[in-house]
Amino acid sequence: MRNTLKFLLGNLQGFDPRSQAVDPKQMHYIDQYMLHVLREFSMKVTDAYSEFDNGRVIRLLQSFITRDLSNFYFSVIKDRLYCDPEDSLGRRSCQTVLEEILDGVSRSIAPVLPHLAEEVYLHSPG
């Protein structure tokens, strides 16, 4: 989990979500899809917390980070992050999604890992 958060923070350096965020309608389809996956994940986590099921929260986090992020999305976007020009629409599109993911994951871990969530908050852009 910590490596995922470091990847997110590292690729958001120099990104200002207030002025550089991309509208979802202009995003690549894969980025739009990840926003959808993030929304579903967030709803499931909210349901688990409302049922006081912290074990399910941890399983959801582990699955989302391992399967959806590390094994899928991060491997797809690395070319855009590392090779595209800094101000390109493609790079800004995935940075916008990374910022949303960072926010969603840090909110999800805050009740069970408050110190890690606080550290992420202190280093987050914007």
N, C-alpha and C. Protein backbone atom coordinates (compact mmCIF):
# COMPACT_ATOMS: atom_id res chain seq x y z
N MET A 1 0.83 -1.19 0.00
CA MET A 1 0.00 0.00 0.00
C MET A 1 0.88 1.26 0.00
N ARG A 2 1.92 1.23 0.81
CA ARG A 2 2.80 2.39 0.90
C ARG A 2 3.47 2.67 -0.45
N ASN A 3 3.89 1.62 -1.17
CA ASN A 3 4.50 1.81 -2.49
C ASN A 3 3.52 2.42 -3.48
N THR A 4 2.28 2.00 -3.41
CA THR A 4 1.25 2.57 -4.28
C THR A 4 1.06 4.05 -3.99
N LEU A 5 1.02 4.40 -2.73
CA LEU A 5 0.86 5.81 -2.36
C LEU A 5 2.07 6.62 -2.79
N LYS A 6 3.28 6.04 -2.69
CA LYS A 6 4.48 6.74 -3.15
C LYS A 6 4.44 6.93 -4.67
N PHE A 7 3.97 5.92 -5.41
CA PHE A 7 3.84 6.04 -6.86
C PHE A 7 2.88 7.18 -7.20
N LEU A 8 1.75 7.22 -6.52
CA LEU A 8 0.76 8.27 -6.76
C LEU A 8 1.35 9.64 -6.47
N LEU A 9 1.94 9.81 -5.31
CA LEU A 9 2.51 11.10 -4.93
C LEU A 9 3.65 11.51 -5.87
N GLY A 10 4.49 10.57 -6.23
CA GLY A 10 5.62 10.88 -7.11
C GLY A 10 5.20 11.35 -8.48
N ASN A 11 4.13 10.78 -9.00
CA ASN A 11 3.66 11.16 -10.33
C ASN A 11 2.73 12.36 -10.32
N LEU A 12 2.46 12.87 -9.14
CA LEU A 12 1.64 14.09 -9.04
C LEU A 12 2.48 15.32 -8.71
N GLN A 13 3.81 15.14 -8.62
CA GLN A 13 4.68 16.29 -8.36
C GLN A 13 4.56 17.28 -9.51
N GLY A 14 4.36 18.54 -9.18
CA GLY A 14 4.23 19.58 -10.20
C GLY A 14 2.85 19.68 -10.81
N PHE A 15 1.92 18.85 -10.36
CA PHE A 15 0.55 18.87 -10.89
C PHE A 15 -0.34 19.65 -9.94
N ASP A 16 -1.03 20.65 -10.48
CA ASP A 16 -1.97 21.44 -9.68
C ASP A 16 -3.38 21.09 -10.12
N PRO A 17 -4.10 20.31 -9.32
CA PRO A 17 -5.44 19.87 -9.74
C PRO A 17 -6.42 21.00 -9.95
N ARG A 18 -6.21 22.12 -9.29
CA ARG A 18 -7.15 23.24 -9.46
C ARG A 18 -7.04 23.87 -10.85
N SER A 19 -5.85 23.90 -11.41
CA SER A 19 -5.69 24.57 -12.71
C SER A 19 -5.38 23.61 -13.85
N GLN A 20 -4.94 22.38 -13.56
CA GLN A 20 -4.51 21.48 -14.63
C GLN A 20 -5.38 20.23 -14.77
N ALA A 21 -6.40 20.10 -13.96
CA ALA A 21 -7.27 18.92 -14.05
C ALA A 21 -7.99 18.90 -15.39
N VAL A 22 -8.21 17.71 -15.88
CA VAL A 22 -8.87 17.51 -17.17
C VAL A 22 -10.32 17.11 -16.91
N ASP A 23 -11.23 17.69 -17.67
CA ASP A 23 -12.64 17.33 -17.58
C ASP A 23 -12.81 15.87 -17.99
N PRO A 24 -13.62 15.10 -17.27
CA PRO A 24 -13.79 13.69 -17.62
C PRO A 24 -14.22 13.44 -19.06
N LYS A 25 -14.94 14.37 -19.66
CA LYS A 25 -15.37 14.19 -21.05
C LYS A 25 -14.20 14.25 -22.03
N GLN A 26 -13.09 14.87 -21.62
CA GLN A 26 -11.91 14.98 -22.48
C GLN A 26 -10.87 13.91 -22.19
N MET A 27 -11.12 13.09 -21.19
CA MET A 27 -10.14 12.08 -20.78
C MET A 27 -10.10 10.90 -21.74
N HIS A 28 -8.98 10.18 -21.70
CA HIS A 28 -8.88 8.91 -22.40
C HIS A 28 -9.92 7.96 -21.81
N TYR A 29 -10.37 7.02 -22.61
CA TYR A 29 -11.41 6.09 -22.14
C TYR A 29 -10.94 5.28 -20.93
N ILE A 30 -9.68 4.90 -20.93
CA ILE A 30 -9.17 4.11 -19.81
C ILE A 30 -9.20 4.92 -18.51
N ASP A 31 -8.97 6.23 -18.63
CA ASP A 31 -9.02 7.10 -17.45
C ASP A 31 -10.46 7.25 -16.96
N GLN A 32 -11.39 7.38 -17.89
CA GLN A 32 -12.80 7.45 -17.51
C GLN A 32 -13.22 6.15 -16.82
N TYR A 33 -12.74 5.04 -17.36
CA TYR A 33 -13.06 3.74 -16.76
C TYR A 33 -12.52 3.65 -15.33
N MET A 34 -11.29 4.13 -15.11
CA MET A 34 -10.71 4.08 -13.76
C MET A 34 -11.50 4.93 -12.79
N LEU A 35 -12.01 6.07 -13.24
CA LEU A 35 -12.86 6.89 -12.36
C LEU A 35 -14.10 6.11 -11.96
N HIS A 36 -14.66 5.36 -12.91
CA HIS A 36 -15.83 4.52 -12.62
C HIS A 36 -15.47 3.44 -11.59
N VAL A 37 -14.33 2.78 -11.79
CA VAL A 37 -13.88 1.74 -10.85
C VAL A 37 -13.65 2.34 -9.47
N LEU A 38 -13.07 3.54 -9.43
CA LEU A 38 -12.83 4.22 -8.15
C LEU A 38 -14.14 4.54 -7.44
N ARG A 39 -15.14 5.00 -8.18
CA ARG A 39 -16.45 5.29 -7.57
C ARG A 39 -17.06 4.03 -6.97
N GLU A 40 -17.00 2.93 -7.72
CA GLU A 40 -17.54 1.67 -7.20
C GLU A 40 -16.80 1.23 -5.94
N PHE A 41 -15.48 1.33 -5.97
CA PHE A 41 -14.67 0.99 -4.80
C PHE A 41 -15.06 1.85 -3.61
N SER A 42 -15.18 3.14 -3.81
CA SER A 42 -15.52 4.06 -2.72
C SER A 42 -16.88 3.75 -2.12
N MET A 43 -17.85 3.41 -2.96
CA MET A 43 -19.19 3.06 -2.45
C MET A 43 -19.14 1.78 -1.61
N LYS A 44 -18.37 0.79 -2.07
CA LYS A 44 -18.25 -0.47 -1.31
C LYS A 44 -17.56 -0.23 0.04
N VAL A 45 -16.53 0.61 0.03
CA VAL A 45 -15.82 0.91 1.28
C VAL A 45 -16.75 1.65 2.25
N THR A 46 -17.52 2.60 1.73
CA THR A 46 -18.46 3.34 2.57
C THR A 46 -19.48 2.38 3.19
N ASP A 47 -19.99 1.45 2.39
CA ASP A 47 -20.94 0.45 2.91
C ASP A 47 -20.29 -0.41 4.00
N ALA A 48 -19.06 -0.83 3.77
CA ALA A 48 -18.37 -1.66 4.76
C ALA A 48 -18.15 -0.90 6.07
N TYR A 49 -17.76 0.36 5.96
CA TYR A 49 -17.57 1.16 7.18
C TYR A 49 -18.89 1.37 7.91
N SER A 50 -19.98 1.58 7.16
CA SER A 50 -21.27 1.80 7.83
C SER A 50 -21.76 0.54 8.53
N GLU A 51 -21.26 -0.62 8.11
CA GLU A 51 -21.59 -1.88 8.77
C GLU A 51 -20.51 -2.28 9.79
N PHE A 52 -19.55 -1.38 10.04
CA PHE A 52 -18.45 -1.62 10.98
C PHE A 52 -17.65 -2.87 10.63
N ASP A 53 -17.50 -3.12 9.33
CA ASP A 53 -16.79 -4.30 8.84
C ASP A 53 -15.40 -3.89 8.34
N ASN A 54 -14.49 -3.64 9.28
CA ASN A 54 -13.14 -3.20 8.91
C ASN A 54 -12.37 -4.26 8.14
N GLY A 55 -12.65 -5.52 8.40
CA GLY A 55 -12.00 -6.60 7.66
C GLY A 55 -12.32 -6.52 6.17
N ARG A 56 -13.58 -6.25 5.86
CA ARG A 56 -13.98 -6.11 4.45
C ARG A 56 -13.32 -4.89 3.83
N VAL A 57 -13.19 -3.81 4.59
CA VAL A 57 -12.51 -2.61 4.09
C VAL A 57 -11.09 -2.95 3.67
N ILE A 58 -10.38 -3.68 4.50
CA ILE A 58 -9.00 -4.05 4.20
C ILE A 58 -8.94 -4.94 2.96
N ARG A 59 -9.87 -5.89 2.85
CA ARG A 59 -9.90 -6.76 1.66
C ARG A 59 -10.19 -5.96 0.40
N LEU A 60 -11.12 -5.00 0.49
CA LEU A 60 -11.44 -4.15 -0.65
C LEU A 60 -10.23 -3.30 -1.05
N LEU A 61 -9.56 -2.73 -0.07
CA LEU A 61 -8.35 -1.93 -0.34
C LEU A 61 -7.28 -2.78 -1.01
N GLN A 62 -7.04 -3.96 -0.45
CA GLN A 62 -6.01 -4.83 -1.00
C GLN A 62 -6.33 -5.22 -2.44
N SER A 63 -7.57 -5.56 -2.71
CA SER A 63 -7.98 -5.94 -4.05
C SER A 63 -7.87 -4.76 -5.02
N PHE A 64 -8.34 -3.61 -4.62
CA PHE A 64 -8.30 -2.42 -5.48
C PHE A 64 -6.86 -2.04 -5.80
N ILE A 65 -6.01 -2.02 -4.79
CA ILE A 65 -4.63 -1.60 -4.99
C ILE A 65 -3.86 -2.63 -5.82
N THR A 66 -4.04 -3.89 -5.52
CA THR A 66 -3.29 -4.93 -6.23
C THR A 66 -3.81 -5.16 -7.64
N ARG A 67 -5.09 -5.43 -7.76
CA ARG A 67 -5.66 -5.82 -9.04
C ARG A 67 -5.92 -4.63 -9.94
N ASP A 68 -6.68 -3.66 -9.45
CA ASP A 68 -7.12 -2.56 -10.31
C ASP A 68 -6.02 -1.54 -10.58
N LEU A 69 -5.22 -1.23 -9.57
CA LEU A 69 -4.19 -0.21 -9.75
C LEU A 69 -2.88 -0.81 -10.24
N SER A 70 -2.21 -1.57 -9.41
CA SER A 70 -0.86 -2.04 -9.73
C SER A 70 -0.81 -2.94 -10.96
N ASN A 71 -1.66 -3.93 -11.01
CA ASN A 71 -1.62 -4.88 -12.12
C ASN A 71 -2.23 -4.36 -13.41
N PHE A 72 -3.11 -3.39 -13.32
CA PHE A 72 -3.80 -2.92 -14.52
C PHE A 72 -3.48 -1.47 -14.85
N TYR A 73 -4.03 -0.56 -14.11
CA TYR A 73 -3.99 0.86 -14.50
C TYR A 73 -2.58 1.44 -14.52
N PHE A 74 -1.79 1.18 -13.51
CA PHE A 74 -0.45 1.76 -13.47
C PHE A 74 0.40 1.27 -14.64
N SER A 75 0.27 0.00 -15.00
CA SER A 75 1.07 -0.51 -16.11
C SER A 75 0.63 0.10 -17.44
N VAL A 76 -0.64 0.46 -17.57
CA VAL A 76 -1.15 1.05 -18.80
C VAL A 76 -0.72 2.51 -18.95
N ILE A 77 -0.64 3.26 -17.87
CA ILE A 77 -0.41 4.70 -17.97
C ILE A 77 1.06 5.11 -17.88
N LYS A 78 1.96 4.19 -17.59
CA LYS A 78 3.36 4.57 -17.41
C LYS A 78 3.95 5.25 -18.63
N ASP A 79 3.61 4.81 -19.84
CA ASP A 79 4.13 5.47 -21.04
C ASP A 79 3.69 6.92 -21.10
N ARG A 80 2.43 7.18 -20.81
CA ARG A 80 1.95 8.57 -20.83
C ARG A 80 2.61 9.40 -19.75
N LEU A 81 2.81 8.82 -18.58
CA LEU A 81 3.42 9.57 -17.48
C LEU A 81 4.88 9.88 -17.74
N TYR A 82 5.60 8.92 -18.30
CA TYR A 82 7.05 9.06 -18.43
C TYR A 82 7.50 9.60 -19.78
N CYS A 83 6.70 9.42 -20.84
CA CYS A 83 7.16 9.78 -22.18
C CYS A 83 6.44 10.98 -22.79
N ASP A 84 5.20 11.21 -22.42
CA ASP A 84 4.45 12.34 -22.99
C ASP A 84 4.98 13.66 -22.45
N PRO A 85 4.84 14.73 -23.23
CA PRO A 85 5.23 16.06 -22.73
C PRO A 85 4.46 16.39 -21.45
N GLU A 86 5.09 17.20 -20.61
CA GLU A 86 4.52 17.51 -19.30
C GLU A 86 3.11 18.09 -19.37
N ASP A 87 2.84 18.91 -20.35
CA ASP A 87 1.53 19.56 -20.45
C ASP A 87 0.59 18.89 -21.44
N SER A 88 0.90 17.66 -21.86
CA SER A 88 0.04 16.99 -22.83
C SER A 88 -1.29 16.59 -22.19
N LEU A 89 -2.32 16.53 -23.00
CA LEU A 89 -3.64 16.15 -22.51
C LEU A 89 -3.62 14.74 -21.93
N GLY A 90 -2.91 13.83 -22.59
CA GLY A 90 -2.85 12.44 -22.11
C GLY A 90 -2.23 12.33 -20.74
N ARG A 91 -1.14 13.05 -20.52
CA ARG A 91 -0.47 13.00 -19.21
C ARG A 91 -1.33 13.67 -18.15
N ARG A 92 -1.90 14.82 -18.47
CA ARG A 92 -2.74 15.52 -17.50
C ARG A 92 -4.00 14.71 -17.19
N SER A 93 -4.50 13.98 -18.18
CA SER A 93 -5.68 13.15 -17.98
C SER A 93 -5.40 12.08 -16.92
N CYS A 94 -4.29 11.37 -17.08
CA CYS A 94 -4.02 10.32 -16.07
C CYS A 94 -3.59 10.92 -14.74
N GLN A 95 -2.96 12.09 -14.73
CA GLN A 95 -2.64 12.73 -13.45
C GLN A 95 -3.91 13.16 -12.72
N THR A 96 -4.90 13.59 -13.46
CA THR A 96 -6.18 13.95 -12.84
C THR A 96 -6.78 12.73 -12.15
N VAL A 97 -6.72 11.59 -12.82
CA VAL A 97 -7.25 10.36 -12.23
C VAL A 97 -6.39 9.92 -11.04
N LEU A 98 -5.08 10.04 -11.16
CA LEU A 98 -4.21 9.68 -10.04
C LEU A 98 -4.51 10.52 -8.81
N GLU A 99 -4.80 11.79 -9.02
CA GLU A 99 -5.14 12.66 -7.89
C GLU A 99 -6.45 12.22 -7.24
N GLU A 100 -7.43 11.83 -8.06
CA GLU A 100 -8.70 11.33 -7.53
C GLU A 100 -8.49 10.01 -6.77
N ILE A 101 -7.65 9.15 -7.33
CA ILE A 101 -7.36 7.88 -6.67
C ILE A 101 -6.67 8.12 -5.33
N LEU A 102 -5.69 9.02 -5.32
CA LEU A 102 -4.98 9.34 -4.08
C LEU A 102 -5.96 9.83 -3.02
N ASP A 103 -6.86 10.70 -3.42
CA ASP A 103 -7.86 11.22 -2.48
C ASP A 103 -8.77 10.09 -1.98
N GLY A 104 -9.25 9.26 -2.90
CA GLY A 104 -10.15 8.17 -2.52
C GLY A 104 -9.50 7.14 -1.62
N VAL A 105 -8.28 6.75 -1.95
CA VAL A 105 -7.58 5.75 -1.14
C VAL A 105 -7.23 6.32 0.23
N SER A 106 -6.76 7.56 0.28
CA SER A 106 -6.40 8.12 1.58
C SER A 106 -7.62 8.32 2.47
N ARG A 107 -8.77 8.65 1.89
CA ARG A 107 -9.99 8.73 2.69
C ARG A 107 -10.40 7.34 3.19
N SER A 108 -10.18 6.34 2.35
CA SER A 108 -10.55 4.97 2.72
C SER A 108 -9.68 4.41 3.84
N ILE A 109 -8.41 4.79 3.85
CA ILE A 109 -7.52 4.24 4.88
C ILE A 109 -7.53 5.05 6.17
N ALA A 110 -8.06 6.27 6.12
CA ALA A 110 -7.98 7.16 7.28
C ALA A 110 -8.51 6.55 8.59
N PRO A 111 -9.65 5.86 8.59
CA PRO A 111 -10.13 5.30 9.87
C PRO A 111 -9.26 4.16 10.42
N VAL A 112 -8.58 3.42 9.53
CA VAL A 112 -7.80 2.27 10.00
C VAL A 112 -6.29 2.53 10.01
N LEU A 113 -5.83 3.46 9.20
CA LEU A 113 -4.40 3.83 9.15
C LEU A 113 -4.26 5.35 9.17
N PRO A 114 -4.65 5.98 10.27
CA PRO A 114 -4.70 7.44 10.29
C PRO A 114 -3.34 8.11 10.09
N HIS A 115 -2.27 7.50 10.59
CA HIS A 115 -0.95 8.12 10.45
C HIS A 115 -0.51 8.14 8.99
N LEU A 116 -0.78 7.06 8.27
CA LEU A 116 -0.43 7.00 6.85
C LEU A 116 -1.29 7.98 6.05
N ALA A 117 -2.57 8.06 6.37
CA ALA A 117 -3.45 9.01 5.68
C ALA A 117 -2.99 10.45 5.92
N GLU A 118 -2.56 10.75 7.12
CA GLU A 118 -2.06 12.09 7.44
C GLU A 118 -0.78 12.40 6.67
N GLU A 119 0.10 11.42 6.56
CA GLU A 119 1.34 11.62 5.80
C GLU A 119 1.04 11.89 4.33
N VAL A 120 0.10 11.15 3.77
CA VAL A 120 -0.31 11.37 2.38
C VAL A 120 -0.88 12.77 2.23
N TYR A 121 -1.73 13.16 3.14
CA TYR A 121 -2.34 14.49 3.09
C TYR A 121 -1.29 15.60 3.10
N LEU A 122 -0.27 15.44 3.92
CA LEU A 122 0.77 16.46 4.02
C LEU A 122 1.59 16.61 2.75
N HIS A 123 1.66 15.55 1.94
CA HIS A 123 2.47 15.58 0.72
C HIS A 123 1.63 15.67 -0.56
N SER A 124 0.33 15.76 -0.43
CA SER A 124 -0.56 15.80 -1.60
C SER A 124 -0.50 17.14 -2.31
N PRO A 125 -0.68 17.12 -3.65
CA PRO A 125 -0.73 18.39 -4.39
C PRO A 125 -2.04 19.11 -4.10
N GLY A 126 -2.02 20.38 -4.26
CA GLY A 126 -3.24 21.18 -4.10
C GLY A 126 -3.65 21.25 -2.69
